[in-house]
Amino acid sequence: MRGLEPVVMQPRSDVAGVSPATVVYGPSAKTRRDLANEYRWEGLSLGDCAILASFLTQLGRVPEELHTHVPVGGVVEIPAECVSDSCSRMVNHLYPRRVDAAIRFGSEWWILECKPSSRMAGLGQLLSYFYWWCRDCPQRYVSRLVLVCEDCDGDEVEAYAAAGVWVAVV
């Protein structure tokens, strides 16, 4: 069984490229949430919280852990001459990338992307998050990628299936 300790990396600078920082990637005590209190699922919009709550209700089994807004994908190095207030705000918004939700059953993790309506962008996000999760958190085995949405059409379902992504329509 793989360990469940947080992965700590020491980047050369924080996300704005200004000062040294320590970033914790993957699930940690900071991203763990109370399954019974969707109003405390930080980092998700109210719509995404409702979609996730519906999914968890329909799932038929209770995960051992729920994490939301999980950082993956590292930080970027910005040359000092490029640092400006607007650049810093943009980088702070975009990096590190954040998985909408991750749930754990035993030693297996599921990565969830919540969308009101399925879009091909969700597929790209899930595959990117999977890559960064495996790179940054190799001791946390991901067994399933899931798009959780309120509707999904045939062409998109085929594309998700071809990529090994489960679609849960709630």
N, C-alpha and C. Protein backbone atom coordinates (compact mmCIF):
# COMPACT_ATOMS: atom_id res chain seq x y z
N MET A 1 0.84 -1.18 0.00
CA MET A 1 0.00 0.00 0.00
C MET A 1 0.89 1.24 0.00
N ARG A 2 0.54 2.21 -0.82
CA ARG A 2 1.31 3.43 -0.90
C ARG A 2 0.99 4.36 0.25
N GLY A 3 1.97 5.14 0.69
CA GLY A 3 1.79 6.07 1.80
C GLY A 3 0.83 7.19 1.46
N LEU A 4 0.27 7.81 2.48
CA LEU A 4 -0.67 8.89 2.29
C LEU A 4 -0.15 10.19 2.89
N GLU A 5 1.17 10.33 2.99
CA GLU A 5 1.76 11.56 3.51
C GLU A 5 1.74 12.63 2.43
N PRO A 6 1.59 13.92 2.82
CA PRO A 6 1.61 14.98 1.81
C PRO A 6 2.96 15.06 1.12
N VAL A 7 2.94 15.47 -0.13
CA VAL A 7 4.16 15.64 -0.90
C VAL A 7 4.55 17.11 -0.79
N VAL A 8 5.75 17.37 -0.29
CA VAL A 8 6.21 18.75 -0.15
C VAL A 8 7.38 18.95 -1.09
N MET A 9 7.29 19.98 -1.92
CA MET A 9 8.36 20.28 -2.84
C MET A 9 8.86 21.69 -2.52
N GLN A 10 10.13 21.94 -2.77
CA GLN A 10 10.71 23.25 -2.50
C GLN A 10 11.03 23.92 -3.82
N PRO A 11 10.09 24.71 -4.36
CA PRO A 11 10.39 25.42 -5.60
C PRO A 11 11.38 26.56 -5.32
N ARG A 12 11.99 27.06 -6.37
CA ARG A 12 12.95 28.14 -6.19
C ARG A 12 12.27 29.46 -5.84
N SER A 13 10.99 29.61 -6.18
CA SER A 13 10.30 30.85 -5.86
C SER A 13 8.82 30.56 -5.72
N ASP A 14 8.09 31.54 -5.18
CA ASP A 14 6.65 31.38 -5.08
C ASP A 14 6.04 31.57 -6.46
N VAL A 15 4.72 31.51 -6.57
CA VAL A 15 4.08 31.57 -7.88
C VAL A 15 4.30 32.88 -8.59
N ALA A 16 4.61 33.95 -7.88
CA ALA A 16 4.87 35.24 -8.53
C ALA A 16 6.35 35.40 -8.87
N GLY A 17 7.18 34.42 -8.53
CA GLY A 17 8.59 34.49 -8.86
C GLY A 17 9.35 35.45 -7.96
N VAL A 18 8.82 35.72 -6.75
CA VAL A 18 9.40 36.76 -5.92
C VAL A 18 10.22 36.22 -4.76
N SER A 19 9.72 35.25 -4.01
CA SER A 19 10.43 34.81 -2.81
C SER A 19 10.35 33.30 -2.66
N PRO A 20 11.28 32.70 -1.89
CA PRO A 20 11.22 31.25 -1.68
C PRO A 20 9.90 30.85 -1.03
N ALA A 21 9.40 29.68 -1.40
CA ALA A 21 8.13 29.20 -0.86
C ALA A 21 8.14 27.68 -0.84
N THR A 22 7.33 27.11 0.05
CA THR A 22 7.12 25.67 0.08
C THR A 22 5.69 25.42 -0.34
N VAL A 23 5.51 24.54 -1.29
CA VAL A 23 4.18 24.24 -1.81
C VAL A 23 3.88 22.77 -1.54
N VAL A 24 2.70 22.48 -1.02
CA VAL A 24 2.27 21.10 -0.81
C VAL A 24 1.35 20.73 -1.97
N TYR A 25 1.72 19.68 -2.69
CA TYR A 25 0.92 19.23 -3.82
C TYR A 25 0.11 18.01 -3.43
N GLY A 26 -1.07 17.90 -4.00
CA GLY A 26 -1.92 16.75 -3.75
C GLY A 26 -2.74 16.92 -2.48
N PRO A 27 -3.48 15.89 -2.12
CA PRO A 27 -4.34 15.96 -0.95
C PRO A 27 -3.53 16.16 0.33
N SER A 28 -4.05 16.99 1.21
CA SER A 28 -3.39 17.25 2.49
C SER A 28 -4.45 17.62 3.51
N ALA A 29 -4.04 17.83 4.74
CA ALA A 29 -4.99 18.24 5.78
C ALA A 29 -5.68 19.55 5.39
N LYS A 30 -4.98 20.40 4.65
CA LYS A 30 -5.54 21.69 4.24
C LYS A 30 -6.66 21.55 3.22
N THR A 31 -6.66 20.48 2.41
CA THR A 31 -7.68 20.31 1.37
C THR A 31 -8.77 19.33 1.77
N ARG A 32 -8.61 18.66 2.93
CA ARG A 32 -9.61 17.67 3.35
C ARG A 32 -10.89 18.36 3.80
N ARG A 33 -12.03 17.79 3.41
CA ARG A 33 -13.34 18.40 3.69
C ARG A 33 -14.26 17.42 4.41
N ASP A 34 -15.24 17.98 5.08
CA ASP A 34 -16.29 17.22 5.76
C ASP A 34 -17.31 16.78 4.70
N LEU A 35 -17.47 15.49 4.52
CA LEU A 35 -18.41 14.98 3.51
C LEU A 35 -19.83 15.46 3.73
N ALA A 36 -20.20 15.71 4.98
CA ALA A 36 -21.58 16.06 5.30
C ALA A 36 -21.88 17.55 5.19
N ASN A 37 -20.89 18.38 4.92
CA ASN A 37 -21.12 19.81 4.93
C ASN A 37 -20.65 20.45 3.64
N GLU A 38 -21.49 20.41 2.60
CA GLU A 38 -21.09 20.92 1.29
C GLU A 38 -20.85 22.42 1.27
N TYR A 39 -21.36 23.14 2.26
CA TYR A 39 -21.14 24.58 2.30
C TYR A 39 -19.73 24.94 2.76
N ARG A 40 -18.96 23.95 3.15
CA ARG A 40 -17.58 24.16 3.57
C ARG A 40 -16.59 23.54 2.57
N TRP A 41 -17.05 23.23 1.37
CA TRP A 41 -16.16 22.66 0.36
C TRP A 41 -15.45 23.80 -0.35
N GLU A 42 -14.36 24.25 0.20
CA GLU A 42 -13.66 25.42 -0.27
C GLU A 42 -13.13 25.23 -1.69
N GLY A 43 -13.12 26.34 -2.43
CA GLY A 43 -12.56 26.35 -3.77
C GLY A 43 -13.56 26.02 -4.86
N LEU A 44 -14.74 25.52 -4.50
CA LEU A 44 -15.76 25.18 -5.49
C LEU A 44 -16.86 26.23 -5.51
N SER A 45 -17.41 26.48 -6.69
CA SER A 45 -18.56 27.37 -6.79
C SER A 45 -19.76 26.66 -6.17
N LEU A 46 -20.81 27.41 -5.89
CA LEU A 46 -22.02 26.79 -5.35
C LEU A 46 -22.59 25.76 -6.32
N GLY A 47 -22.52 26.05 -7.62
CA GLY A 47 -23.00 25.10 -8.63
C GLY A 47 -22.20 23.81 -8.63
N ASP A 48 -20.87 23.93 -8.56
CA ASP A 48 -20.03 22.74 -8.50
C ASP A 48 -20.26 21.96 -7.21
N CYS A 49 -20.50 22.67 -6.10
CA CYS A 49 -20.81 21.99 -4.83
C CYS A 49 -22.09 21.17 -4.97
N ALA A 50 -23.10 21.74 -5.62
CA ALA A 50 -24.37 21.03 -5.81
C ALA A 50 -24.18 19.80 -6.69
N ILE A 51 -23.38 19.94 -7.76
CA ILE A 51 -23.11 18.81 -8.66
C ILE A 51 -22.37 17.72 -7.90
N LEU A 52 -21.35 18.10 -7.13
CA LEU A 52 -20.58 17.13 -6.36
C LEU A 52 -21.45 16.45 -5.31
N ALA A 53 -22.31 17.21 -4.63
CA ALA A 53 -23.20 16.63 -3.61
C ALA A 53 -24.14 15.61 -4.24
N SER A 54 -24.68 15.91 -5.42
CA SER A 54 -25.55 14.96 -6.12
C SER A 54 -24.79 13.68 -6.48
N PHE A 55 -23.57 13.85 -6.96
CA PHE A 55 -22.75 12.69 -7.32
C PHE A 55 -22.48 11.81 -6.10
N LEU A 56 -22.08 12.43 -4.99
CA LEU A 56 -21.78 11.65 -3.79
C LEU A 56 -23.02 10.94 -3.26
N THR A 57 -24.18 11.55 -3.40
CA THR A 57 -25.43 10.92 -2.97
C THR A 57 -25.75 9.70 -3.83
N GLN A 58 -25.54 9.82 -5.14
CA GLN A 58 -25.86 8.74 -6.08
C GLN A 58 -24.79 7.65 -6.11
N LEU A 59 -23.64 7.91 -5.54
CA LEU A 59 -22.50 7.00 -5.65
C LEU A 59 -22.78 5.62 -5.06
N GLY A 60 -23.52 5.56 -3.98
CA GLY A 60 -23.84 4.26 -3.40
C GLY A 60 -22.82 3.75 -2.40
N ARG A 61 -21.73 4.44 -2.23
CA ARG A 61 -20.74 4.12 -1.21
C ARG A 61 -20.11 5.42 -0.72
N VAL A 62 -19.65 5.41 0.50
CA VAL A 62 -19.12 6.62 1.10
C VAL A 62 -17.60 6.60 1.02
N PRO A 63 -17.02 7.62 0.40
CA PRO A 63 -15.55 7.66 0.36
C PRO A 63 -14.98 7.88 1.75
N GLU A 64 -13.76 7.41 1.94
CA GLU A 64 -13.09 7.61 3.23
C GLU A 64 -12.62 9.04 3.40
N GLU A 65 -12.31 9.70 2.28
CA GLU A 65 -11.87 11.09 2.33
C GLU A 65 -12.41 11.84 1.13
N LEU A 66 -12.68 13.12 1.34
CA LEU A 66 -13.03 14.05 0.26
C LEU A 66 -12.08 15.24 0.37
N HIS A 67 -11.50 15.61 -0.75
CA HIS A 67 -10.64 16.79 -0.82
C HIS A 67 -11.15 17.65 -1.97
N THR A 68 -11.14 18.98 -1.77
CA THR A 68 -11.52 19.88 -2.86
C THR A 68 -10.41 20.90 -3.07
N HIS A 69 -10.36 21.41 -4.31
CA HIS A 69 -9.42 22.46 -4.69
C HIS A 69 -7.99 22.01 -4.39
N VAL A 70 -7.65 20.82 -4.88
CA VAL A 70 -6.37 20.17 -4.59
C VAL A 70 -5.29 20.66 -5.56
N PRO A 71 -4.19 21.26 -5.04
CA PRO A 71 -3.16 21.78 -5.93
C PRO A 71 -2.32 20.67 -6.57
N VAL A 72 -2.12 20.79 -7.87
CA VAL A 72 -1.23 19.91 -8.63
C VAL A 72 -0.58 20.75 -9.72
N GLY A 73 0.47 20.25 -10.31
CA GLY A 73 1.03 20.90 -11.49
C GLY A 73 2.08 21.94 -11.24
N GLY A 74 2.47 22.12 -10.01
CA GLY A 74 3.63 22.95 -9.74
C GLY A 74 3.49 24.43 -9.98
N VAL A 75 4.60 25.07 -9.81
CA VAL A 75 4.68 26.51 -9.95
C VAL A 75 5.47 26.84 -11.20
N VAL A 76 5.37 28.06 -11.62
CA VAL A 76 6.12 28.51 -12.79
C VAL A 76 7.20 29.48 -12.33
N GLU A 77 8.27 29.50 -13.05
CA GLU A 77 9.36 30.44 -12.76
C GLU A 77 9.20 31.62 -13.71
N ILE A 78 9.07 32.81 -13.16
CA ILE A 78 8.90 34.01 -13.97
C ILE A 78 10.16 34.85 -13.83
N PRO A 79 10.77 35.23 -14.95
CA PRO A 79 11.96 36.08 -14.85
C PRO A 79 11.63 37.39 -14.13
N ALA A 80 12.55 37.87 -13.31
CA ALA A 80 12.31 39.06 -12.49
C ALA A 80 11.89 40.26 -13.34
N GLU A 81 12.44 40.39 -14.53
CA GLU A 81 12.11 41.54 -15.36
C GLU A 81 10.66 41.50 -15.88
N CYS A 82 10.01 40.35 -15.77
CA CYS A 82 8.63 40.20 -16.25
C CYS A 82 7.59 40.34 -15.15
N VAL A 83 8.03 40.43 -13.90
CA VAL A 83 7.08 40.46 -12.79
C VAL A 83 6.41 41.83 -12.71
N SER A 84 5.09 41.82 -12.76
CA SER A 84 4.28 43.02 -12.58
C SER A 84 3.08 42.64 -11.73
N ASP A 85 2.32 43.62 -11.26
CA ASP A 85 1.14 43.31 -10.46
C ASP A 85 0.15 42.45 -11.23
N SER A 86 -0.11 42.82 -12.50
CA SER A 86 -1.09 42.05 -13.29
C SER A 86 -0.58 40.64 -13.56
N CYS A 87 0.71 40.51 -13.84
CA CYS A 87 1.30 39.19 -14.08
C CYS A 87 1.21 38.34 -12.82
N SER A 88 1.53 38.93 -11.68
CA SER A 88 1.48 38.20 -10.41
C SER A 88 0.06 37.73 -10.11
N ARG A 89 -0.93 38.60 -10.34
CA ARG A 89 -2.32 38.22 -10.10
C ARG A 89 -2.73 37.07 -11.01
N MET A 90 -2.34 37.14 -12.29
CA MET A 90 -2.69 36.08 -13.23
C MET A 90 -2.05 34.76 -12.81
N VAL A 91 -0.78 34.78 -12.47
CA VAL A 91 -0.08 33.55 -12.10
C VAL A 91 -0.65 33.00 -10.80
N ASN A 92 -0.95 33.86 -9.84
CA ASN A 92 -1.56 33.40 -8.59
C ASN A 92 -2.90 32.73 -8.84
N HIS A 93 -3.62 33.20 -9.85
CA HIS A 93 -4.92 32.61 -10.19
C HIS A 93 -4.76 31.26 -10.89
N LEU A 94 -3.77 31.17 -11.76
CA LEU A 94 -3.63 29.97 -12.60
C LEU A 94 -2.78 28.86 -12.01
N TYR A 95 -1.82 29.18 -11.14
CA TYR A 95 -0.90 28.18 -10.64
C TYR A 95 -0.89 28.20 -9.13
N PRO A 96 -0.74 27.09 -8.43
CA PRO A 96 -0.78 25.77 -9.05
C PRO A 96 -2.18 25.45 -9.54
N ARG A 97 -2.26 24.54 -10.45
CA ARG A 97 -3.55 24.11 -10.96
C ARG A 97 -4.29 23.39 -9.84
N ARG A 98 -5.61 23.37 -9.90
CA ARG A 98 -6.39 22.80 -8.80
C ARG A 98 -7.41 21.79 -9.31
N VAL A 99 -7.35 20.59 -8.77
CA VAL A 99 -8.34 19.55 -9.04
C VAL A 99 -9.61 19.94 -8.29
N ASP A 100 -10.77 19.89 -8.96
CA ASP A 100 -12.02 20.25 -8.28
C ASP A 100 -12.22 19.40 -7.03
N ALA A 101 -12.14 18.09 -7.19
CA ALA A 101 -12.35 17.20 -6.04
C ALA A 101 -11.59 15.90 -6.24
N ALA A 102 -11.20 15.32 -5.13
CA ALA A 102 -10.57 13.99 -5.13
C ALA A 102 -11.18 13.22 -3.98
N ILE A 103 -11.52 11.97 -4.24
CA ILE A 103 -12.06 11.12 -3.18
C ILE A 103 -11.19 9.87 -3.07
N ARG A 104 -11.13 9.34 -1.83
CA ARG A 104 -10.29 8.17 -1.59
C ARG A 104 -11.13 7.02 -1.06
N PHE A 105 -10.89 5.85 -1.65
CA PHE A 105 -11.44 4.58 -1.18
C PHE A 105 -10.24 3.68 -0.91
N GLY A 106 -9.93 3.44 0.34
CA GLY A 106 -8.74 2.65 0.67
C GLY A 106 -7.50 3.35 0.17
N SER A 107 -6.71 2.69 -0.67
CA SER A 107 -5.49 3.30 -1.20
C SER A 107 -5.69 3.87 -2.61
N GLU A 108 -6.93 3.84 -3.10
CA GLU A 108 -7.22 4.34 -4.44
C GLU A 108 -7.89 5.70 -4.40
N TRP A 109 -7.49 6.56 -5.33
CA TRP A 109 -8.04 7.90 -5.44
C TRP A 109 -8.80 8.06 -6.74
N TRP A 110 -9.85 8.85 -6.71
CA TRP A 110 -10.59 9.25 -7.90
C TRP A 110 -10.40 10.75 -8.04
N ILE A 111 -10.10 11.21 -9.24
CA ILE A 111 -10.04 12.64 -9.53
C ILE A 111 -11.35 13.02 -10.21
N LEU A 112 -12.00 14.06 -9.68
CA LEU A 112 -13.30 14.49 -10.20
C LEU A 112 -13.21 15.91 -10.75
N GLU A 113 -13.79 16.12 -11.91
CA GLU A 113 -13.94 17.45 -12.48
C GLU A 113 -15.43 17.72 -12.59
N CYS A 114 -15.89 18.79 -11.96
CA CYS A 114 -17.31 19.14 -11.95
C CYS A 114 -17.60 20.19 -13.01
N LYS A 115 -18.58 19.91 -13.87
CA LYS A 115 -18.99 20.84 -14.92
C LYS A 115 -20.50 20.86 -14.99
N PRO A 116 -21.11 22.03 -15.13
CA PRO A 116 -22.57 22.07 -15.29
C PRO A 116 -22.99 21.30 -16.55
N SER A 117 -22.20 21.43 -17.60
CA SER A 117 -22.48 20.76 -18.85
C SER A 117 -21.15 20.21 -19.36
N SER A 118 -21.18 19.01 -19.91
CA SER A 118 -19.91 18.43 -20.35
C SER A 118 -19.37 19.24 -21.52
N ARG A 119 -18.11 19.45 -21.50
CA ARG A 119 -17.40 20.13 -22.57
C ARG A 119 -16.08 19.39 -22.76
N MET A 120 -15.57 19.48 -23.96
CA MET A 120 -14.31 18.80 -24.22
C MET A 120 -13.18 19.38 -23.37
N ALA A 121 -13.33 20.63 -22.91
CA ALA A 121 -12.31 21.21 -22.03
C ALA A 121 -12.18 20.39 -20.75
N GLY A 122 -13.28 19.81 -20.28
CA GLY A 122 -13.23 18.98 -19.08
C GLY A 122 -12.35 17.77 -19.27
N LEU A 123 -12.35 17.21 -20.48
CA LEU A 123 -11.49 16.07 -20.78
C LEU A 123 -10.03 16.49 -20.70
N GLY A 124 -9.71 17.62 -21.30
CA GLY A 124 -8.34 18.13 -21.24
C GLY A 124 -7.89 18.40 -19.82
N GLN A 125 -8.79 19.00 -19.02
CA GLN A 125 -8.45 19.26 -17.62
C GLN A 125 -8.17 17.97 -16.87
N LEU A 126 -9.04 16.98 -17.01
CA LEU A 126 -8.85 15.72 -16.30
C LEU A 126 -7.54 15.04 -16.68
N LEU A 127 -7.25 14.98 -17.96
CA LEU A 127 -6.01 14.33 -18.40
C LEU A 127 -4.78 15.10 -17.93
N SER A 128 -4.86 16.43 -17.94
CA SER A 128 -3.75 17.23 -17.43
C SER A 128 -3.57 17.02 -15.94
N TYR A 129 -4.67 17.06 -15.19
CA TYR A 129 -4.59 16.86 -13.74
C TYR A 129 -4.04 15.48 -13.43
N PHE A 130 -4.44 14.47 -14.20
CA PHE A 130 -3.94 13.11 -13.98
C PHE A 130 -2.41 13.07 -14.17
N TYR A 131 -1.94 13.70 -15.24
CA TYR A 131 -0.49 13.75 -15.48
C TYR A 131 0.23 14.41 -14.30
N TRP A 132 -0.24 15.59 -13.89
CA TRP A 132 0.45 16.31 -12.81
C TRP A 132 0.32 15.58 -11.49
N TRP A 133 -0.83 14.96 -11.24
CA TRP A 133 -1.02 14.20 -10.00
C TRP A 133 0.01 13.06 -9.95
N CYS A 134 0.12 12.32 -11.05
CA CYS A 134 1.07 11.20 -11.09
C CYS A 134 2.50 11.68 -10.94
N ARG A 135 2.80 12.84 -11.51
CA ARG A 135 4.15 13.39 -11.39
C ARG A 135 4.43 13.89 -9.97
N ASP A 136 3.48 14.63 -9.38
CA ASP A 136 3.70 15.27 -8.08
C ASP A 136 3.36 14.38 -6.90
N CYS A 137 2.48 13.42 -7.08
CA CYS A 137 2.00 12.57 -5.97
C CYS A 137 2.05 11.10 -6.37
N PRO A 138 3.20 10.57 -6.77
CA PRO A 138 3.24 9.20 -7.30
C PRO A 138 2.83 8.13 -6.31
N GLN A 139 2.88 8.42 -5.01
CA GLN A 139 2.50 7.42 -4.01
C GLN A 139 0.99 7.34 -3.82
N ARG A 140 0.23 8.20 -4.46
CA ARG A 140 -1.23 8.18 -4.35
C ARG A 140 -1.81 7.68 -5.66
N TYR A 141 -2.19 6.42 -5.69
CA TYR A 141 -2.65 5.76 -6.91
C TYR A 141 -4.03 6.26 -7.33
N VAL A 142 -4.12 6.77 -8.55
CA VAL A 142 -5.41 7.21 -9.11
C VAL A 142 -5.98 6.07 -9.92
N SER A 143 -7.16 5.58 -9.51
CA SER A 143 -7.77 4.47 -10.23
C SER A 143 -8.88 4.92 -11.17
N ARG A 144 -9.35 6.17 -11.02
CA ARG A 144 -10.47 6.60 -11.85
C ARG A 144 -10.46 8.10 -12.04
N LEU A 145 -10.72 8.51 -13.29
CA LEU A 145 -10.95 9.91 -13.63
C LEU A 145 -12.43 10.03 -13.94
N VAL A 146 -13.09 11.03 -13.34
CA VAL A 146 -14.54 11.15 -13.49
C VAL A 146 -14.93 12.58 -13.83
N LEU A 147 -15.68 12.75 -14.91
CA LEU A 147 -16.33 14.03 -15.19
C LEU A 147 -17.72 13.94 -14.58
N VAL A 148 -18.03 14.86 -13.68
CA VAL A 148 -19.35 14.91 -13.05
C VAL A 148 -20.07 16.11 -13.63
N CYS A 149 -21.20 15.86 -14.31
CA CYS A 149 -21.89 16.96 -14.99
C CYS A 149 -23.40 16.73 -14.97
N GLU A 150 -24.12 17.76 -15.40
CA GLU A 150 -25.58 17.67 -15.43
C GLU A 150 -26.12 17.19 -16.76
N ASP A 151 -25.33 17.28 -17.83
CA ASP A 151 -25.73 16.71 -19.12
C ASP A 151 -24.50 16.42 -19.96
N CYS A 152 -24.67 15.48 -20.90
CA CYS A 152 -23.56 15.08 -21.75
C CYS A 152 -24.13 14.46 -23.02
N ASP A 153 -23.62 14.87 -24.18
CA ASP A 153 -24.16 14.29 -25.42
C ASP A 153 -23.30 13.15 -25.93
N GLY A 154 -23.79 12.45 -26.95
CA GLY A 154 -23.17 11.22 -27.45
C GLY A 154 -21.73 11.34 -27.89
N ASP A 155 -21.40 12.39 -28.67
CA ASP A 155 -20.03 12.53 -29.17
C ASP A 155 -19.04 12.70 -28.03
N GLU A 156 -19.42 13.50 -27.05
CA GLU A 156 -18.52 13.72 -25.93
C GLU A 156 -18.35 12.46 -25.09
N VAL A 157 -19.43 11.71 -24.92
CA VAL A 157 -19.36 10.46 -24.14
C VAL A 157 -18.34 9.52 -24.79
N GLU A 158 -18.37 9.42 -26.11
CA GLU A 158 -17.43 8.56 -26.83
C GLU A 158 -15.98 9.02 -26.62
N ALA A 159 -15.76 10.32 -26.68
CA ALA A 159 -14.41 10.85 -26.49
C ALA A 159 -13.91 10.58 -25.08
N TYR A 160 -14.77 10.81 -24.09
CA TYR A 160 -14.38 10.53 -22.71
C TYR A 160 -14.10 9.04 -22.51
N ALA A 161 -14.96 8.18 -23.05
CA ALA A 161 -14.77 6.74 -22.92
C ALA A 161 -13.46 6.29 -23.57
N ALA A 162 -13.14 6.86 -24.73
CA ALA A 162 -11.91 6.50 -25.43
C ALA A 162 -10.68 6.87 -24.62
N ALA A 163 -10.80 7.92 -23.79
CA ALA A 163 -9.68 8.36 -22.94
C ALA A 163 -9.69 7.66 -21.58
N GLY A 164 -10.66 6.79 -21.34
CA GLY A 164 -10.72 6.09 -20.06
C GLY A 164 -11.33 6.89 -18.93
N VAL A 165 -12.07 7.94 -19.28
CA VAL A 165 -12.69 8.82 -18.29
C VAL A 165 -14.15 8.42 -18.12
N TRP A 166 -14.59 8.25 -16.89
CA TRP A 166 -15.98 7.96 -16.59
C TRP A 166 -16.78 9.25 -16.60
N VAL A 167 -18.00 9.19 -17.11
CA VAL A 167 -18.90 10.35 -17.09
C VAL A 167 -20.05 10.02 -16.16
N ALA A 168 -20.25 10.87 -15.16
CA ALA A 168 -21.36 10.69 -14.21
C ALA A 168 -22.30 11.87 -14.42
N VAL A 169 -23.47 11.59 -14.98
CA VAL A 169 -24.48 12.62 -15.18
C VAL A 169 -25.39 12.62 -13.97
N VAL A 170 -25.50 13.78 -13.31
CA VAL A 170 -26.29 13.89 -12.08
C VAL A 170 -27.51 14.78 -12.29
